[in-house]
């Protein structure tokens, strides 16, 4: 049994998310429609999907994160923010805006 490439996994996950969250706009999309999008858009949408489904320590709001996780990510104010658990609370450590995501992951 061959494993899917990381990009293939991301593309399938992004497609599931887009179809579920925006069925009118993306209901007819295929994985090929996702694959041809710029890489940075796929990465940003993947992070958004992780937050939406509350997977892999990603949440839509910091208040949704249970106490005590080593680190969590939240997309808020058009920034993917990383918080670390420190002294009984989450402390902001760093963030990546959409523009920075585009600069990092490119086309």
PDB file of N, CA and C in Angstrom:
ATOM      1  N   UNK A   1       0.855  -1.195   0.000  1.00  0.00           N
ATOM      2  CA  UNK A   1       0.000   0.000   0.000  1.00  0.00           C
ATOM      3  C   UNK A   1       0.889   1.242   0.000  1.00  0.00           C
ATOM      4  N   UNK A   2       0.714   2.079  -0.983  1.00  0.00           N
ATOM      5  CA  UNK A   2       1.547   3.280  -1.057  1.00  0.00           C
ATOM      6  C   UNK A   2       0.914   4.403  -0.252  1.00  0.00           C
ATOM      7  N   UNK A   3       1.758   5.210   0.352  1.00  0.00           N
ATOM      8  CA  UNK A   3       1.246   6.343   1.117  1.00  0.00           C
ATOM      9  C   UNK A   3       1.078   7.549   0.191  1.00  0.00           C
ATOM     10  N   UNK A   4       0.115   8.356   0.514  1.00  0.00           N
ATOM     11  CA  UNK A   4      -0.110   9.575  -0.264  1.00  0.00           C
ATOM     12  C   UNK A   4       0.980  10.589   0.042  1.00  0.00           C
ATOM     13  N   UNK A   5       1.317  11.389  -0.927  1.00  0.00           N
ATOM     14  CA  UNK A   5       2.272  12.466  -0.667  1.00  0.00           C
ATOM     15  C   UNK A   5       1.622  13.491   0.252  1.00  0.00           C
ATOM     16  N   UNK A   6       2.458  14.246   0.914  1.00  0.00           N
ATOM     17  CA  UNK A   6       1.947  15.273   1.813  1.00  0.00           C
ATOM     18  C   UNK A   6       1.053  16.263   1.063  1.00  0.00           C
ATOM     19  N   UNK A   7       1.489  16.688  -0.125  1.00  0.00           N
ATOM     20  CA  UNK A   7       0.671  17.617  -0.917  1.00  0.00           C
ATOM     21  C   UNK A   7      -0.681  17.011  -1.270  1.00  0.00           C
ATOM     22  N   UNK A   8      -0.704  15.738  -1.625  1.00  0.00           N
ATOM     23  CA  UNK A   8      -1.959  15.073  -1.965  1.00  0.00           C
ATOM     24  C   UNK A   8      -2.884  15.042  -0.758  1.00  0.00           C
ATOM     25  N   UNK A   9      -2.331  14.737   0.405  1.00  0.00           N
ATOM     26  CA  UNK A   9      -3.137  14.728   1.624  1.00  0.00           C
ATOM     27  C   UNK A   9      -3.713  16.118   1.912  1.00  0.00           C
ATOM     28  N   UNK A  10      -2.868  17.140   1.777  1.00  0.00           N
ATOM     29  CA  UNK A  10      -3.335  18.514   1.998  1.00  0.00           C
ATOM     30  C   UNK A  10      -4.427  18.861   1.000  1.00  0.00           C
ATOM     31  N   UNK A  11      -4.218  18.558  -0.265  1.00  0.00           N
ATOM     32  CA  UNK A  11      -5.201  18.891  -1.302  1.00  0.00           C
ATOM     33  C   UNK A  11      -6.541  18.217  -1.032  1.00  0.00           C
ATOM     34  N   UNK A  12      -6.531  16.960  -0.640  1.00  0.00           N
ATOM     35  CA  UNK A  12      -7.776  16.252  -0.338  1.00  0.00           C
ATOM     36  C   UNK A  12      -8.472  16.856   0.880  1.00  0.00           C
ATOM     37  N   UNK A  13      -7.694  17.202   1.875  1.00  0.00           N
ATOM     38  CA  UNK A  13      -8.245  17.796   3.098  1.00  0.00           C
ATOM     39  C   UNK A  13      -8.832  19.170   2.812  1.00  0.00           C
ATOM     40  N   UNK A  14      -8.120  19.969   2.024  1.00  0.00           N
ATOM     41  CA  UNK A  14      -8.597  21.303   1.645  1.00  0.00           C
ATOM     42  C   UNK A  14      -9.895  21.187   0.854  1.00  0.00           C
ATOM     43  N   UNK A  15      -9.971  20.243  -0.067  1.00  0.00           N
ATOM     44  CA  UNK A  15     -11.179  20.057  -0.858  1.00  0.00           C
ATOM     45  C   UNK A  15     -12.362  19.699   0.035  1.00  0.00           C
ATOM     46  N   UNK A  16     -12.161  18.786   0.973  1.00  0.00           N
ATOM     47  CA  UNK A  16     -13.231  18.416   1.915  1.00  0.00           C
ATOM     48  C   UNK A  16     -13.728  19.654   2.666  1.00  0.00           C
ATOM     49  N   UNK A  17     -12.796  20.434   3.171  1.00  0.00           N
ATOM     50  CA  UNK A  17     -13.126  21.638   3.935  1.00  0.00           C
ATOM     51  C   UNK A  17     -13.884  22.650   3.079  1.00  0.00           C
ATOM     52  N   UNK A  18     -13.381  22.941   1.881  1.00  0.00           N
ATOM     53  CA  UNK A  18     -14.031  23.934   1.015  1.00  0.00           C
ATOM     54  C   UNK A  18     -15.435  23.505   0.627  1.00  0.00           C
ATOM     55  N   UNK A  19     -15.601  22.233   0.306  1.00  0.00           N
ATOM     56  CA  UNK A  19     -16.931  21.733  -0.069  1.00  0.00           C
ATOM     57  C   UNK A  19     -17.901  21.811   1.101  1.00  0.00           C
ATOM     58  N   UNK A  20     -17.422  21.523   2.290  1.00  0.00           N
ATOM     59  CA  UNK A  20     -18.287  21.546   3.470  1.00  0.00           C
ATOM     60  C   UNK A  20     -18.604  22.968   3.918  1.00  0.00           C
ATOM     61  N   UNK A  21     -17.590  23.808   3.955  1.00  0.00           N
ATOM     62  CA  UNK A  21     -17.772  25.166   4.474  1.00  0.00           C
ATOM     63  C   UNK A  21     -18.428  26.100   3.457  1.00  0.00           C
ATOM     64  N   UNK A  22     -18.127  25.921   2.172  1.00  0.00           N
ATOM     65  CA  UNK A  22     -18.648  26.800   1.118  1.00  0.00           C
ATOM     66  C   UNK A  22     -19.196  25.965  -0.045  1.00  0.00           C
ATOM     67  N   UNK A  23     -20.252  25.191   0.188  1.00  0.00           N
ATOM     68  CA  UNK A  23     -20.734  24.280  -0.859  1.00  0.00           C
ATOM     69  C   UNK A  23     -21.186  24.996  -2.130  1.00  0.00           C
ATOM     70  N   UNK A  24     -21.762  26.181  -2.012  1.00  0.00           N
ATOM     71  CA  UNK A  24     -22.221  26.898  -3.209  1.00  0.00           C
ATOM     72  C   UNK A  24     -21.059  27.310  -4.103  1.00  0.00           C
ATOM     73  N   UNK A  25     -19.952  27.677  -3.505  1.00  0.00           N
ATOM     74  CA  UNK A  25     -18.801  28.155  -4.258  1.00  0.00           C
ATOM     75  C   UNK A  25     -17.873  27.021  -4.712  1.00  0.00           C
ATOM     76  N   UNK A  26     -17.717  25.988  -3.871  1.00  0.00           N
ATOM     77  CA  UNK A  26     -16.716  24.959  -4.155  1.00  0.00           C
ATOM     78  C   UNK A  26     -17.307  23.550  -4.299  1.00  0.00           C
ATOM     79  N   UNK A  27     -18.612  23.428  -4.293  1.00  0.00           N
ATOM     80  CA  UNK A  27     -19.252  22.118  -4.344  1.00  0.00           C
ATOM     81  C   UNK A  27     -18.889  21.282  -5.555  1.00  0.00           C
ATOM     82  N   UNK A  28     -18.581  21.914  -6.655  1.00  0.00           N
ATOM     83  CA  UNK A  28     -18.243  21.187  -7.880  1.00  0.00           C
ATOM     84  C   UNK A  28     -16.734  21.029  -8.090  1.00  0.00           C
ATOM     85  N   UNK A  29     -15.943  21.581  -7.190  1.00  0.00           N
ATOM     86  CA  UNK A  29     -14.501  21.493  -7.343  1.00  0.00           C
ATOM     87  C   UNK A  29     -14.025  20.055  -7.226  1.00  0.00           C
ATOM     88  N   UNK A  30     -12.915  19.771  -7.878  1.00  0.00           N
ATOM     89  CA  UNK A  30     -12.230  18.494  -7.760  1.00  0.00           C
ATOM     90  C   UNK A  30     -10.882  18.744  -7.104  1.00  0.00           C
ATOM     91  N   UNK A  31     -10.194  17.673  -6.779  1.00  0.00           N
ATOM     92  CA  UNK A  31      -8.871  17.816  -6.185  1.00  0.00           C
ATOM     93  C   UNK A  31      -7.926  18.518  -7.164  1.00  0.00           C
ATOM     94  N   UNK A  32      -8.163  18.366  -8.452  1.00  0.00           N
ATOM     95  CA  UNK A  32      -7.333  19.054  -9.452  1.00  0.00           C
ATOM     96  C   UNK A  32      -7.513  20.570  -9.349  1.00  0.00           C
ATOM     97  N   UNK A  33      -8.737  21.040  -9.075  1.00  0.00           N
ATOM     98  CA  UNK A  33      -8.978  22.477  -8.895  1.00  0.00           C
ATOM     99  C   UNK A  33      -8.181  23.014  -7.711  1.00  0.00           C
ATOM    100  N   UNK A  34      -8.070  22.220  -6.669  1.00  0.00           N
ATOM    101  CA  UNK A  34      -7.279  22.618  -5.502  1.00  0.00           C
ATOM    102  C   UNK A  34      -5.797  22.586  -5.858  1.00  0.00           C
ATOM    103  N   UNK A  35      -5.362  21.527  -6.517  1.00  0.00           N
ATOM    104  CA  UNK A  35      -3.945  21.332  -6.825  1.00  0.00           C
ATOM    105  C   UNK A  35      -3.340  22.482  -7.616  1.00  0.00           C
ATOM    106  N   UNK A  36      -4.129  23.103  -8.480  1.00  0.00           N
ATOM    107  CA  UNK A  36      -3.585  24.172  -9.325  1.00  0.00           C
ATOM    108  C   UNK A  36      -3.583  25.544  -8.639  1.00  0.00           C
ATOM    109  N   UNK A  37      -4.085  25.622  -7.432  1.00  0.00           N
ATOM    110  CA  UNK A  37      -4.038  26.876  -6.681  1.00  0.00           C
ATOM    111  C   UNK A  37      -2.608  27.125  -6.216  1.00  0.00           C
ATOM    112  N   UNK A  38      -2.240  28.375  -6.027  1.00  0.00           N
ATOM    113  CA  UNK A  38      -0.887  28.658  -5.517  1.00  0.00           C
ATOM    114  C   UNK A  38      -0.639  27.920  -4.204  1.00  0.00           C
ATOM    115  N   UNK A  39       0.582  27.450  -4.025  1.00  0.00           N
ATOM    116  CA  UNK A  39       0.919  26.664  -2.836  1.00  0.00           C
ATOM    117  C   UNK A  39       0.575  27.402  -1.540  1.00  0.00           C
ATOM    118  N   UNK A  40       0.870  28.690  -1.477  1.00  0.00           N
ATOM    119  CA  UNK A  40       0.600  29.426  -0.238  1.00  0.00           C
ATOM    120  C   UNK A  40      -0.886  29.421   0.089  1.00  0.00           C
ATOM    121  N   UNK A  41      -1.755  29.488  -0.939  1.00  0.00           N
ATOM    122  CA  UNK A  41      -3.204  29.462  -0.684  1.00  0.00           C
ATOM    123  C   UNK A  41      -3.639  28.108  -0.151  1.00  0.00           C
ATOM    124  N   UNK A  42      -3.037  27.054  -0.679  1.00  0.00           N
ATOM    125  CA  UNK A  42      -3.367  25.713  -0.192  1.00  0.00           C
ATOM    126  C   UNK A  42      -2.921  25.544   1.253  1.00  0.00           C
ATOM    127  N   UNK A  43      -1.726  26.047   1.581  1.00  0.00           N
ATOM    128  CA  UNK A  43      -1.227  25.954   2.957  1.00  0.00           C
ATOM    129  C   UNK A  43      -2.122  26.753   3.897  1.00  0.00           C
ATOM    130  N   UNK A  44      -2.457  27.984   3.512  1.00  0.00           N
ATOM    131  CA  UNK A  44      -3.305  28.817   4.378  1.00  0.00           C
ATOM    132  C   UNK A  44      -4.676  28.162   4.573  1.00  0.00           C
ATOM    133  N   UNK A  45      -5.249  27.627   3.518  1.00  0.00           N
ATOM    134  CA  UNK A  45      -6.565  26.986   3.614  1.00  0.00           C
ATOM    135  C   UNK A  45      -6.464  25.710   4.437  1.00  0.00           C
ATOM    136  N   UNK A  46      -5.347  25.000   4.329  1.00  0.00           N
ATOM    137  CA  UNK A  46      -5.135  23.810   5.146  1.00  0.00           C
ATOM    138  C   UNK A  46      -5.114  24.185   6.629  1.00  0.00           C
ATOM    139  N   UNK A  47      -4.381  25.249   6.968  1.00  0.00           N
ATOM    140  CA  UNK A  47      -4.375  25.705   8.358  1.00  0.00           C
ATOM    141  C   UNK A  47      -5.786  26.083   8.800  1.00  0.00           C
ATOM    142  N   UNK A  48      -6.527  26.774   7.936  1.00  0.00           N
ATOM    143  CA  UNK A  48      -7.902  27.153   8.257  1.00  0.00           C
ATOM    144  C   UNK A  48      -8.765  25.924   8.497  1.00  0.00           C
ATOM    145  N   UNK A  49      -8.574  24.901   7.675  1.00  0.00           N
ATOM    146  CA  UNK A  49      -9.336  23.658   7.836  1.00  0.00           C
ATOM    147  C   UNK A  49      -8.990  22.980   9.160  1.00  0.00           C
ATOM    148  N   UNK A  50      -7.710  22.938   9.498  1.00  0.00           N
ATOM    149  CA  UNK A  50      -7.319  22.351  10.778  1.00  0.00           C
ATOM    150  C   UNK A  50      -7.991  23.082  11.936  1.00  0.00           C
ATOM    151  N   UNK A  51      -8.062  24.412  11.856  1.00  0.00           N
ATOM    152  CA  UNK A  51      -8.740  25.194  12.893  1.00  0.00           C
ATOM    153  C   UNK A  51     -10.232  24.877  12.922  1.00  0.00           C
ATOM    154  N   UNK A  52     -10.841  24.815  11.753  1.00  0.00           N
ATOM    155  CA  UNK A  52     -12.272  24.551  11.626  1.00  0.00           C
ATOM    156  C   UNK A  52     -12.640  23.194  12.239  1.00  0.00           C
ATOM    157  N   UNK A  53     -11.832  22.183  11.969  1.00  0.00           N
ATOM    158  CA  UNK A  53     -12.103  20.839  12.472  1.00  0.00           C
ATOM    159  C   UNK A  53     -11.472  20.575  13.835  1.00  0.00           C
ATOM    160  N   UNK A  54     -10.745  21.555  14.367  1.00  0.00           N
ATOM    161  CA  UNK A  54     -10.091  21.443  15.680  1.00  0.00           C
ATOM    162  C   UNK A  54      -9.146  20.246  15.725  1.00  0.00           C
ATOM    163  N   UNK A  55      -8.285  20.189  14.754  1.00  0.00           N
ATOM    164  CA  UNK A  55      -7.352  19.070  14.670  1.00  0.00           C
ATOM    165  C   UNK A  55      -5.917  19.554  14.845  1.00  0.00           C
ATOM    166  N   UNK A  56      -5.093  18.641  15.322  1.00  0.00           N
ATOM    167  CA  UNK A  56      -3.656  18.888  15.443  1.00  0.00           C
ATOM    168  C   UNK A  56      -3.350  20.199  16.182  1.00  0.00           C
ATOM    169  N   UNK A  57      -4.067  20.433  17.282  1.00  0.00           N
ATOM    170  CA  UNK A  57      -3.861  21.609  18.159  1.00  0.00           C
ATOM    171  C   UNK A  57      -4.139  22.937  17.452  1.00  0.00           C
ATOM    172  N   UNK A  58      -5.061  22.936  16.507  1.00  0.00           N
ATOM    173  CA  UNK A  58      -5.500  24.152  15.808  1.00  0.00           C
ATOM    174  C   UNK A  58      -6.946  24.435  16.235  1.00  0.00           C
ATOM    175  N   UNK A  59      -7.238  25.713  16.476  1.00  0.00           N
ATOM    176  CA  UNK A  59      -8.564  26.100  16.935  1.00  0.00           C
ATOM    177  C   UNK A  59      -8.991  27.407  16.280  1.00  0.00           C
ATOM    178  N   UNK A  60     -10.301  27.617  16.186  1.00  0.00           N
ATOM    179  CA  UNK A  60     -10.797  28.861  15.589  1.00  0.00           C
ATOM    180  C   UNK A  60     -10.682  30.035  16.552  1.00  0.00           C
ATOM    181  N   UNK A  61     -10.722  29.728  17.844  1.00  0.00           N
ATOM    182  CA  UNK A  61     -10.570  30.771  18.865  1.00  0.00           C
ATOM    183  C   UNK A  61      -9.655  30.237  19.959  1.00  0.00           C
ATOM    184  N   UNK A  62      -8.892  31.098  20.566  1.00  0.00           N
ATOM    185  CA  UNK A  62      -8.022  30.668  21.654  1.00  0.00           C
ATOM    186  C   UNK A  62      -8.853  30.080  22.791  1.00  0.00           C
ATOM    187  N   UNK A  63     -10.035  30.623  23.010  1.00  0.00           N
ATOM    188  CA  UNK A  63     -10.911  30.120  24.072  1.00  0.00           C
ATOM    189  C   UNK A  63     -11.382  28.690  23.847  1.00  0.00           C
ATOM    190  N   UNK A  64     -11.269  28.186  22.627  1.00  0.00           N
ATOM    191  CA  UNK A  64     -11.655  26.800  22.332  1.00  0.00           C
ATOM    192  C   UNK A  64     -10.566  25.803  22.724  1.00  0.00           C
ATOM    193  N   UNK A  65      -9.349  26.283  22.915  1.00  0.00           N
ATOM    194  CA  UNK A  65      -8.227  25.390  23.228  1.00  0.00           C
ATOM    195  C   UNK A  65      -8.292  24.961  24.690  1.00  0.00           C
ATOM    196  N   UNK A  66      -8.167  23.664  24.942  1.00  0.00           N
ATOM    197  CA  UNK A  66      -8.144  23.228  26.336  1.00  0.00           C
ATOM    198  C   UNK A  66      -6.849  23.687  27.010  1.00  0.00           C
ATOM    199  N   UNK A  67      -6.908  23.894  28.291  1.00  0.00           N
ATOM    200  CA  UNK A  67      -5.726  24.314  29.036  1.00  0.00           C
ATOM    201  C   UNK A  67      -4.644  23.244  28.976  1.00  0.00           C
ATOM    202  N   UNK A  68      -3.405  23.717  28.959  1.00  0.00           N
ATOM    203  CA  UNK A  68      -2.281  22.837  29.155  1.00  0.00           C
ATOM    204  C   UNK A  68      -1.612  22.241  27.937  1.00  0.00           C
ATOM    205  N   UNK A  69      -2.114  22.506  26.723  1.00  0.00           N
ATOM    206  CA  UNK A  69      -1.415  21.996  25.544  1.00  0.00           C
ATOM    207  C   UNK A  69      -0.109  22.772  25.391  1.00  0.00           C
ATOM    208  N   UNK A  70       0.943  22.096  24.973  1.00  0.00           N
ATOM    209  CA  UNK A  70       2.244  22.752  24.864  1.00  0.00           C
ATOM    210  C   UNK A  70       2.174  23.980  23.967  1.00  0.00           C
ATOM    211  N   UNK A  71       1.512  23.827  22.819  1.00  0.00           N
ATOM    212  CA  UNK A  71       1.358  24.941  21.882  1.00  0.00           C
ATOM    213  C   UNK A  71       0.083  24.734  21.077  1.00  0.00           C
ATOM    214  N   UNK A  72      -0.539  25.836  20.686  1.00  0.00           N
ATOM    215  CA  UNK A  72      -1.739  25.784  19.853  1.00  0.00           C
ATOM    216  C   UNK A  72      -1.625  26.854  18.774  1.00  0.00           C
ATOM    217  N   UNK A  73      -2.395  26.646  17.711  1.00  0.00           N
ATOM    218  CA  UNK A  73      -2.481  27.644  16.643  1.00  0.00           C
ATOM    219  C   UNK A  73      -3.923  28.087  16.491  1.00  0.00           C
ATOM    220  N   UNK A  74      -4.076  29.381  16.227  1.00  0.00           N
ATOM    221  CA  UNK A  74      -5.391  29.990  16.054  1.00  0.00           C
ATOM    222  C   UNK A  74      -5.285  30.979  14.902  1.00  0.00           C
ATOM    223  N   UNK A  75      -6.260  30.934  13.995  1.00  0.00           N
ATOM    224  CA  UNK A  75      -6.292  31.958  12.952  1.00  0.00           C
ATOM    225  C   UNK A  75      -7.290  33.012  13.396  1.00  0.00           C
ATOM    226  N   UNK A  76      -6.771  34.214  13.640  1.00  0.00           N
ATOM    227  CA  UNK A  76      -7.617  35.337  14.033  1.00  0.00           C
ATOM    228  C   UNK A  76      -6.989  36.616  13.504  1.00  0.00           C
ATOM    229  N   UNK A  77      -7.818  37.550  13.175  1.00  0.00           N
ATOM    230  CA  UNK A  77      -7.350  38.833  12.645  1.00  0.00           C
ATOM    231  C   UNK A  77      -6.415  38.637  11.444  1.00  0.00           C
ATOM    232  N   UNK A  78      -6.765  37.681  10.578  1.00  0.00           N
ATOM    233  CA  UNK A  78      -6.013  37.399   9.341  1.00  0.00           C
ATOM    234  C   UNK A  78      -4.561  37.015   9.616  1.00  0.00           C
ATOM    235  N   UNK A  79      -4.341  36.351  10.742  1.00  0.00           N
ATOM    236  CA  UNK A  79      -3.008  35.903  11.117  1.00  0.00           C
ATOM    237  C   UNK A  79      -3.120  34.530  11.769  1.00  0.00           C
ATOM    238  N   UNK A  80      -2.226  33.625  11.394  1.00  0.00           N
ATOM    239  CA  UNK A  80      -2.145  32.320  12.041  1.00  0.00           C
ATOM    240  C   UNK A  80      -1.188  32.487  13.216  1.00  0.00           C
ATOM    241  N   UNK A  81      -1.749  32.479  14.419  1.00  0.00           N
ATOM    242  CA  UNK A  81      -0.975  32.794  15.620  1.00  0.00           C
ATOM    243  C   UNK A  81      -0.647  31.524  16.399  1.00  0.00           C
ATOM    244  N   UNK A  82       0.573  31.461  16.880  1.00  0.00           N
ATOM    245  CA  UNK A  82       1.002  30.361  17.738  1.00  0.00           C
ATOM    246  C   UNK A  82       1.069  30.863  19.178  1.00  0.00           C
ATOM    247  N   UNK A  83       0.446  30.089  20.066  1.00  0.00           N
ATOM    248  CA  UNK A  83       0.475  30.372  21.501  1.00  0.00           C
ATOM    249  C   UNK A  83       1.103  29.182  22.208  1.00  0.00           C
ATOM    250  N   UNK A  84       1.870  29.454  23.253  1.00  0.00           N
ATOM    251  CA  UNK A  84       2.457  28.400  24.073  1.00  0.00           C
ATOM    252  C   UNK A  84       1.897  28.496  25.486  1.00  0.00           C
ATOM    253  N   UNK A  85       1.741  27.338  26.129  1.00  0.00           N
ATOM    254  CA  UNK A  85       1.266  27.282  27.504  1.00  0.00           C
ATOM    255  C   UNK A  85       2.414  27.650  28.438  1.00  0.00           C
ATOM    256  N   UNK A  86       2.215  28.651  29.247  1.00  0.00           N
ATOM    257  CA  UNK A  86       3.270  29.139  30.127  1.00  0.00           C
ATOM    258  C   UNK A  86       2.627  29.704  31.397  1.00  0.00           C
ATOM    259  N   UNK A  87       3.034  29.192  32.539  1.00  0.00           N
ATOM    260  CA  UNK A  87       2.535  29.681  33.835  1.00  0.00           C
ATOM    261  C   UNK A  87       1.004  29.708  33.896  1.00  0.00           C
ATOM    262  N   UNK A  88       0.378  28.656  33.405  1.00  0.00           N
ATOM    263  CA  UNK A  88      -1.069  28.510  33.537  1.00  0.00           C
ATOM    264  C   UNK A  88      -1.912  29.278  32.540  1.00  0.00           C
ATOM    265  N   UNK A  89      -1.298  29.771  31.469  1.00  0.00           N
ATOM    266  CA  UNK A  89      -2.073  30.468  30.443  1.00  0.00           C
ATOM    267  C   UNK A  89      -1.353  30.378  29.102  1.00  0.00           C
ATOM    268  N   UNK A  90      -2.081  30.674  28.043  1.00  0.00           N
ATOM    269  CA  UNK A  90      -1.485  30.702  26.712  1.00  0.00           C
ATOM    270  C   UNK A  90      -0.875  32.078  26.459  1.00  0.00           C
ATOM    271  N   UNK A  91       0.356  32.056  25.969  1.00  0.00           N
ATOM    272  CA  UNK A  91       1.105  33.280  25.691  1.00  0.00           C
ATOM    273  C   UNK A  91       1.428  33.307  24.198  1.00  0.00           C
ATOM    274  N   UNK A  92       1.130  34.431  23.556  1.00  0.00           N
ATOM    275  CA  UNK A  92       1.416  34.601  22.136  1.00  0.00           C
ATOM    276  C   UNK A  92       2.915  34.518  21.901  1.00  0.00           C
ATOM    277  N   UNK A  93       3.310  33.717  20.887  1.00  0.00           N
ATOM    278  CA  UNK A  93       4.731  33.574  20.563  1.00  0.00           C
ATOM    279  C   UNK A  93       5.074  34.122  19.191  1.00  0.00           C
ATOM    280  N   UNK A  94       4.261  33.802  18.202  1.00  0.00           N
ATOM    281  CA  UNK A  94       4.543  34.302  16.855  1.00  0.00           C
ATOM    282  C   UNK A  94       3.307  34.146  15.988  1.00  0.00           C
ATOM    283  N   UNK A  95       3.328  34.820  14.867  1.00  0.00           N
ATOM    284  CA  UNK A  95       2.217  34.727  13.938  1.00  0.00           C
ATOM    285  C   UNK A  95       2.700  34.847  12.508  1.00  0.00           C
ATOM    286  N   UNK A  96       1.870  34.360  11.601  1.00  0.00           N
ATOM    287  CA  UNK A  96       2.144  34.460  10.176  1.00  0.00           C
ATOM    288  C   UNK A  96       0.901  35.024   9.508  1.00  0.00           C
ATOM    289  N   UNK A  97       1.049  36.144   8.828  1.00  0.00           N
ATOM    290  CA  UNK A  97      -0.065  36.726   8.087  1.00  0.00           C
ATOM    291  C   UNK A  97      -0.189  36.022   6.736  1.00  0.00           C
ATOM    292  N   UNK A  98      -1.284  36.288   6.026  1.00  0.00           N
ATOM    293  CA  UNK A  98      -1.447  35.722   4.687  1.00  0.00           C
ATOM    294  C   UNK A  98      -0.317  36.174   3.765  1.00  0.00           C
ATOM    295  N   UNK A  99       0.059  37.440   3.864  1.00  0.00           N
ATOM    296  CA  UNK A  99       1.153  37.948   3.028  1.00  0.00           C
ATOM    297  C   UNK A  99       2.464  37.215   3.337  1.00  0.00           C
ATOM    298  N   UNK A 100       2.736  36.993   4.606  1.00  0.00           N
ATOM    299  CA  UNK A 100       3.955  36.270   4.980  1.00  0.00           C
ATOM    300  C   UNK A 100       3.888  34.814   4.529  1.00  0.00           C
ATOM    301  N   UNK A 101       2.708  34.222   4.616  1.00  0.00           N
ATOM    302  CA  UNK A 101       2.518  32.855   4.122  1.00  0.00           C
ATOM    303  C   UNK A 101       2.843  32.791   2.634  1.00  0.00           C
ATOM    304  N   UNK A 102       2.378  33.773   1.883  1.00  0.00           N
ATOM    305  CA  UNK A 102       2.668  33.835   0.452  1.00  0.00           C
ATOM    306  C   UNK A 102       4.171  33.979   0.217  1.00  0.00           C
ATOM    307  N   UNK A 103       4.826  34.817   1.024  1.00  0.00           N
ATOM    308  CA  UNK A 103       6.270  35.002   0.884  1.00  0.00           C
ATOM    309  C   UNK A 103       7.038  33.719   1.218  1.00  0.00           C
ATOM    310  N   UNK A 104       6.576  32.982   2.204  1.00  0.00           N
ATOM    311  CA  UNK A 104       7.252  31.764   2.654  1.00  0.00           C
ATOM    312  C   UNK A 104       7.015  30.611   1.674  1.00  0.00           C
ATOM    313  N   UNK A 105       5.748  30.389   1.312  1.00  0.00           N
ATOM    314  CA  UNK A 105       5.393  29.210   0.520  1.00  0.00           C
ATOM    315  C   UNK A 105       5.299  29.477  -0.978  1.00  0.00           C
ATOM    316  N   UNK A 106       5.280  30.719  -1.358  1.00  0.00           N
ATOM    317  CA  UNK A 106       5.314  31.077  -2.775  1.00  0.00           C
ATOM    318  C   UNK A 106       4.206  30.457  -3.602  1.00  0.00           C
ATOM    319  N   UNK A 107       4.423  30.477  -4.878  1.00  0.00           N
ATOM    320  CA  UNK A 107       3.434  29.992  -5.824  1.00  0.00           C
ATOM    321  C   UNK A 107       3.560  28.505  -5.944  1.00  0.00           C
TER     322      UNK A 107
END
